[in-house]
Amino acid sequence: MGFGVVLLVLGGFLLGGAYSIWKADSDTRGRTGPQVGFAVVLLVGAVLATASGILRLV
């Protein structure tokens, strides 16, 4: 298995984590600032890992 495929899988896991955090809103106040921040960080990491994996495969 090549390094590009590993990066694509890592990007998928990070994207799933961002989605999971985004869906986990608090019962009383909605999403908190740290939840949004962490989801954005995971989303950026997922995009970077996926793009790197695609470029590595090409």
C-alpha atoms as a PDB file:
ATOM      1  CA  MET A   1       0.000   0.000   0.000  1.00  0.00           C
ATOM      2  CA  GLY A   2       1.465   3.309  -1.058  1.00  0.00           C
ATOM      3  CA  PHE A   3       1.887   6.428   1.006  1.00  0.00           C
ATOM      4  CA  GLY A   4      -0.714   8.244  -1.107  1.00  0.00           C
ATOM      5  CA  VAL A   5      -3.375   5.722  -0.149  1.00  0.00           C
ATOM      6  CA  VAL A   6      -2.437   6.089   3.511  1.00  0.00           C
ATOM      7  CA  LEU A   7      -2.884   9.862   3.214  1.00  0.00           C
ATOM      8  CA  LEU A   8      -6.301   9.390   1.589  1.00  0.00           C
ATOM      9  CA  VAL A   9      -7.403   7.080   4.400  1.00  0.00           C
ATOM     10  CA  LEU A  10      -6.096   9.543   6.995  1.00  0.00           C
ATOM     11  CA  GLY A  11      -8.017  12.334   5.279  1.00  0.00           C
ATOM     12  CA  GLY A  12     -11.171  10.240   5.449  1.00  0.00           C
ATOM     13  CA  PHE A  13     -10.731   9.619   9.169  1.00  0.00           C
ATOM     14  CA  LEU A  14     -10.139  13.311   9.817  1.00  0.00           C
ATOM     15  CA  LEU A  15     -13.200  14.227   7.775  1.00  0.00           C
ATOM     16  CA  GLY A  16     -15.280  11.760   9.776  1.00  0.00           C
ATOM     17  CA  GLY A  17     -13.964  13.240  13.008  1.00  0.00           C
ATOM     18  CA  ALA A  18     -14.827  16.756  11.888  1.00  0.00           C
ATOM     19  CA  TYR A  19     -18.338  15.626  10.970  1.00  0.00           C
ATOM     20  CA  SER A  20     -18.733  13.849  14.300  1.00  0.00           C
ATOM     21  CA  ILE A  21     -17.682  16.906  16.287  1.00  0.00           C
ATOM     22  CA  TRP A  22     -19.900  19.159  14.171  1.00  0.00           C
ATOM     23  CA  LYS A  23     -22.937  16.946  14.853  1.00  0.00           C
ATOM     24  CA  ALA A  24     -22.234  16.754  18.617  1.00  0.00           C
ATOM     25  CA  ASP A  25     -23.885  19.968  19.724  1.00  0.00           C
ATOM     26  CA  SER A  26     -24.632  20.805  23.322  1.00  0.00           C
ATOM     27  CA  ASP A  27     -28.191  20.309  24.544  1.00  0.00           C
ATOM     28  CA  THR A  28     -28.580  23.823  25.897  1.00  0.00           C
ATOM     29  CA  ARG A  29     -26.425  26.279  23.963  1.00  0.00           C
ATOM     30  CA  GLY A  30     -25.749  24.738  20.580  1.00  0.00           C
ATOM     31  CA  ARG A  31     -22.179  24.372  19.383  1.00  0.00           C
ATOM     32  CA  THR A  32     -19.496  25.881  21.566  1.00  0.00           C
ATOM     33  CA  GLY A  33     -16.540  27.862  20.276  1.00  0.00           C
ATOM     34  CA  PRO A  34     -13.991  25.086  20.961  1.00  0.00           C
ATOM     35  CA  GLN A  35     -16.195  22.560  19.139  1.00  0.00           C
ATOM     36  CA  VAL A  36     -16.323  24.748  16.045  1.00  0.00           C
ATOM     37  CA  GLY A  37     -12.604  25.474  16.235  1.00  0.00           C
ATOM     38  CA  PHE A  38     -11.642  21.827  16.559  1.00  0.00           C
ATOM     39  CA  ALA A  39     -13.996  20.814  13.752  1.00  0.00           C
ATOM     40  CA  VAL A  40     -12.429  23.452  11.496  1.00  0.00           C
ATOM     41  CA  VAL A  41      -8.915  22.272  12.373  1.00  0.00           C
ATOM     42  CA  LEU A  42      -9.875  18.672  11.569  1.00  0.00           C
ATOM     43  CA  LEU A  43     -11.531  19.757   8.329  1.00  0.00           C
ATOM     44  CA  VAL A  44      -8.422  21.662   7.218  1.00  0.00           C
ATOM     45  CA  GLY A  45      -6.272  18.642   8.105  1.00  0.00           C
ATOM     46  CA  ALA A  46      -8.591  16.361   6.140  1.00  0.00           C
ATOM     47  CA  VAL A  47      -8.426  18.595   3.066  1.00  0.00           C
ATOM     48  CA  LEU A  48      -4.627  18.824   3.251  1.00  0.00           C
ATOM     49  CA  ALA A  49      -4.175  15.079   3.756  1.00  0.00           C
ATOM     50  CA  THR A  50      -6.573  14.236   0.920  1.00  0.00           C
ATOM     51  CA  ALA A  51      -4.957  16.712  -1.469  1.00  0.00           C
ATOM     52  CA  SER A  52      -1.502  15.415  -0.553  1.00  0.00           C
ATOM     53  CA  GLY A  53      -2.643  11.846  -1.094  1.00  0.00           C
ATOM     54  CA  ILE A  54      -4.088  12.656  -4.516  1.00  0.00           C
ATOM     55  CA  LEU A  55      -0.948  14.516  -5.561  1.00  0.00           C
ATOM     56  CA  ARG A  56       1.206  11.654  -4.289  1.00  0.00           C
ATOM     57  CA  LEU A  57      -0.754   9.163  -6.398  1.00  0.00           C
ATOM     58  CA  VAL A  58      -0.507  11.258  -9.555  1.00  0.00           C
END
